[in-house]
Amino acid sequence: MKKFAKKVQRFLVSEDGPTAVEYAVMLALIVIVCLTAIRSVGTNANATFTSVAGQLGGGS
């Protein structure tokens, strides 16, 4: 873990300040998009499983 932290530190020091900030903003946007997509897929899967369970008569 220390090696990873050192590599990140060297990367941030070697890059320009604005470039590192741009990378951080892009990473944040990618994470937000991924979380939104995962949540949407989970919601759709839950609705599908609920529908199938209802049709099979396995509802609680």
N, C-alpha and C. Protein backbone atom coordinates (compact mmCIF):
# COMPACT_ATOMS: atom_id res chain seq x y z
N MET A 1 0.82 -1.19 0.00
CA MET A 1 0.00 0.00 0.00
C MET A 1 0.86 1.25 0.00
N LYS A 2 2.01 1.18 0.67
CA LYS A 2 2.91 2.33 0.70
C LYS A 2 3.45 2.64 -0.69
N LYS A 3 3.71 1.58 -1.47
CA LYS A 3 4.22 1.80 -2.82
C LYS A 3 3.19 2.53 -3.67
N PHE A 4 1.93 2.14 -3.52
CA PHE A 4 0.86 2.80 -4.28
C PHE A 4 0.75 4.26 -3.89
N ALA A 5 0.80 4.54 -2.60
CA ALA A 5 0.70 5.92 -2.13
C ALA A 5 1.88 6.74 -2.66
N LYS A 6 3.06 6.17 -2.67
CA LYS A 6 4.24 6.88 -3.20
C LYS A 6 4.07 7.17 -4.69
N LYS A 7 3.54 6.19 -5.45
CA LYS A 7 3.34 6.40 -6.88
C LYS A 7 2.33 7.50 -7.13
N VAL A 8 1.25 7.52 -6.36
CA VAL A 8 0.24 8.57 -6.51
C VAL A 8 0.84 9.92 -6.17
N GLN A 9 1.63 9.96 -5.11
CA GLN A 9 2.26 11.22 -4.72
C GLN A 9 3.22 11.71 -5.81
N ARG A 10 4.02 10.81 -6.36
CA ARG A 10 4.94 11.20 -7.43
C ARG A 10 4.17 11.68 -8.66
N PHE A 11 3.06 11.02 -8.97
CA PHE A 11 2.26 11.42 -10.12
C PHE A 11 1.73 12.83 -9.92
N LEU A 12 1.18 13.10 -8.75
CA LEU A 12 0.61 14.42 -8.49
C LEU A 12 1.68 15.50 -8.47
N VAL A 13 2.87 15.17 -7.99
CA VAL A 13 3.95 16.15 -7.96
C VAL A 13 4.48 16.41 -9.37
N SER A 14 4.56 15.37 -10.19
CA SER A 14 5.14 15.51 -11.52
C SER A 14 4.20 16.23 -12.49
N GLU A 15 2.91 16.17 -12.26
CA GLU A 15 1.95 16.82 -13.15
C GLU A 15 1.74 18.27 -12.75
N ASP A 16 1.28 19.05 -13.70
CA ASP A 16 0.88 20.42 -13.38
C ASP A 16 -0.32 20.37 -12.45
N GLY A 17 -0.49 21.39 -11.65
CA GLY A 17 -1.63 21.45 -10.76
C GLY A 17 -2.95 21.36 -11.50
N PRO A 18 -3.16 22.19 -12.53
CA PRO A 18 -4.43 22.12 -13.25
C PRO A 18 -4.69 20.76 -13.92
N THR A 19 -3.64 20.12 -14.42
CA THR A 19 -3.82 18.83 -15.06
C THR A 19 -4.27 17.78 -14.05
N ALA A 20 -3.68 17.79 -12.86
CA ALA A 20 -4.08 16.85 -11.82
C ALA A 20 -5.53 17.11 -11.41
N VAL A 21 -5.94 18.36 -11.34
CA VAL A 21 -7.31 18.70 -10.99
C VAL A 21 -8.26 18.21 -12.08
N GLU A 22 -7.88 18.37 -13.33
CA GLU A 22 -8.72 17.88 -14.44
C GLU A 22 -8.91 16.37 -14.34
N TYR A 23 -7.83 15.65 -14.05
CA TYR A 23 -7.94 14.20 -13.90
C TYR A 23 -8.87 13.84 -12.74
N ALA A 24 -8.78 14.58 -11.64
CA ALA A 24 -9.63 14.30 -10.48
C ALA A 24 -11.10 14.56 -10.82
N VAL A 25 -11.37 15.64 -11.57
CA VAL A 25 -12.76 15.94 -11.95
C VAL A 25 -13.29 14.87 -12.90
N MET A 26 -12.48 14.44 -13.86
CA MET A 26 -12.91 13.38 -14.77
C MET A 26 -13.18 12.09 -14.02
N LEU A 27 -12.32 11.75 -13.07
CA LEU A 27 -12.52 10.54 -12.28
C LEU A 27 -13.81 10.63 -11.48
N ALA A 28 -14.08 11.78 -10.88
CA ALA A 28 -15.31 11.96 -10.11
C ALA A 28 -16.54 11.79 -11.01
N LEU A 29 -16.50 12.36 -12.20
CA LEU A 29 -17.63 12.24 -13.12
C LEU A 29 -17.84 10.79 -13.56
N ILE A 30 -16.75 10.09 -13.81
CA ILE A 30 -16.85 8.68 -14.21
C ILE A 30 -17.46 7.86 -13.09
N VAL A 31 -17.04 8.12 -11.85
CA VAL A 31 -17.58 7.39 -10.70
C VAL A 31 -19.08 7.66 -10.57
N ILE A 32 -19.49 8.91 -10.73
CA ILE A 32 -20.91 9.26 -10.62
C ILE A 32 -21.73 8.55 -11.70
N VAL A 33 -21.23 8.53 -12.92
CA VAL A 33 -21.94 7.85 -14.01
C VAL A 33 -22.04 6.36 -13.73
N CYS A 34 -20.95 5.76 -13.26
CA CYS A 34 -20.96 4.32 -12.96
C CYS A 34 -21.96 4.00 -11.85
N LEU A 35 -21.96 4.79 -10.79
CA LEU A 35 -22.89 4.54 -9.69
C LEU A 35 -24.34 4.69 -10.14
N THR A 36 -24.60 5.68 -10.98
CA THR A 36 -25.96 5.88 -11.49
C THR A 36 -26.39 4.69 -12.35
N ALA A 37 -25.49 4.22 -13.21
CA ALA A 37 -25.82 3.08 -14.06
C ALA A 37 -26.05 1.82 -13.23
N ILE A 38 -25.22 1.60 -12.23
CA ILE A 38 -25.38 0.41 -11.38
C ILE A 38 -26.69 0.47 -10.62
N ARG A 39 -27.03 1.65 -10.12
CA ARG A 39 -28.30 1.79 -9.39
C ARG A 39 -29.49 1.52 -10.31
N SER A 40 -29.41 2.02 -11.54
CA SER A 40 -30.50 1.83 -12.49
C SER A 40 -30.67 0.34 -12.83
N VAL A 41 -29.56 -0.34 -13.07
CA VAL A 41 -29.61 -1.76 -13.37
C VAL A 41 -30.17 -2.54 -12.18
N GLY A 42 -29.76 -2.16 -10.97
CA GLY A 42 -30.27 -2.83 -9.77
C GLY A 42 -31.76 -2.64 -9.61
N THR A 43 -32.24 -1.43 -9.87
CA THR A 43 -33.67 -1.15 -9.76
C THR A 43 -34.46 -1.96 -10.78
N ASN A 44 -33.97 -2.01 -12.00
CA ASN A 44 -34.64 -2.79 -13.05
C ASN A 44 -34.62 -4.29 -12.72
N ALA A 45 -33.51 -4.78 -12.21
CA ALA A 45 -33.43 -6.20 -11.85
C ALA A 45 -34.39 -6.52 -10.71
N ASN A 46 -34.47 -5.64 -9.74
CA ASN A 46 -35.39 -5.85 -8.62
C ASN A 46 -36.83 -5.90 -9.11
N ALA A 47 -37.19 -5.01 -10.01
CA ALA A 47 -38.56 -5.00 -10.55
C ALA A 47 -38.84 -6.29 -11.32
N THR A 48 -37.87 -6.75 -12.08
CA THR A 48 -38.03 -7.98 -12.85
C THR A 48 -38.22 -9.18 -11.92
N PHE A 49 -37.37 -9.30 -10.90
CA PHE A 49 -37.49 -10.42 -9.97
C PHE A 49 -38.81 -10.36 -9.21
N THR A 50 -39.25 -9.18 -8.85
CA THR A 50 -40.53 -9.04 -8.15
C THR A 50 -41.67 -9.48 -9.05
N SER A 51 -41.62 -9.10 -10.31
CA SER A 51 -42.65 -9.48 -11.26
C SER A 51 -42.70 -10.99 -11.46
N VAL A 52 -41.54 -11.60 -11.62
CA VAL A 52 -41.47 -13.05 -11.82
C VAL A 52 -41.96 -13.77 -10.57
N ALA A 53 -41.57 -13.30 -9.39
CA ALA A 53 -42.02 -13.93 -8.15
C ALA A 53 -43.53 -13.83 -8.01
N GLY A 54 -44.08 -12.69 -8.41
CA GLY A 54 -45.54 -12.54 -8.35
C GLY A 54 -46.26 -13.48 -9.29
N GLN A 55 -45.70 -13.69 -10.49
CA GLN A 55 -46.32 -14.58 -11.47
C GLN A 55 -46.21 -16.04 -11.03
N LEU A 56 -45.16 -16.37 -10.29
CA LEU A 56 -44.99 -17.74 -9.82
C LEU A 56 -45.77 -18.00 -8.54
N GLY A 57 -46.32 -16.96 -7.95
CA GLY A 57 -47.06 -17.13 -6.71
C GLY A 57 -46.16 -17.25 -5.51
N GLY A 58 -44.93 -16.79 -5.65
CA GLY A 58 -44.00 -16.89 -4.53
C GLY A 58 -43.89 -15.61 -3.75
N GLY A 59 -44.88 -14.75 -3.86
CA GLY A 59 -44.83 -13.49 -3.13
C GLY A 59 -44.93 -13.71 -1.64
N SER A 60 -44.43 -12.77 -0.86
CA SER A 60 -44.44 -12.96 0.59
C SER A 60 -45.72 -12.50 1.22
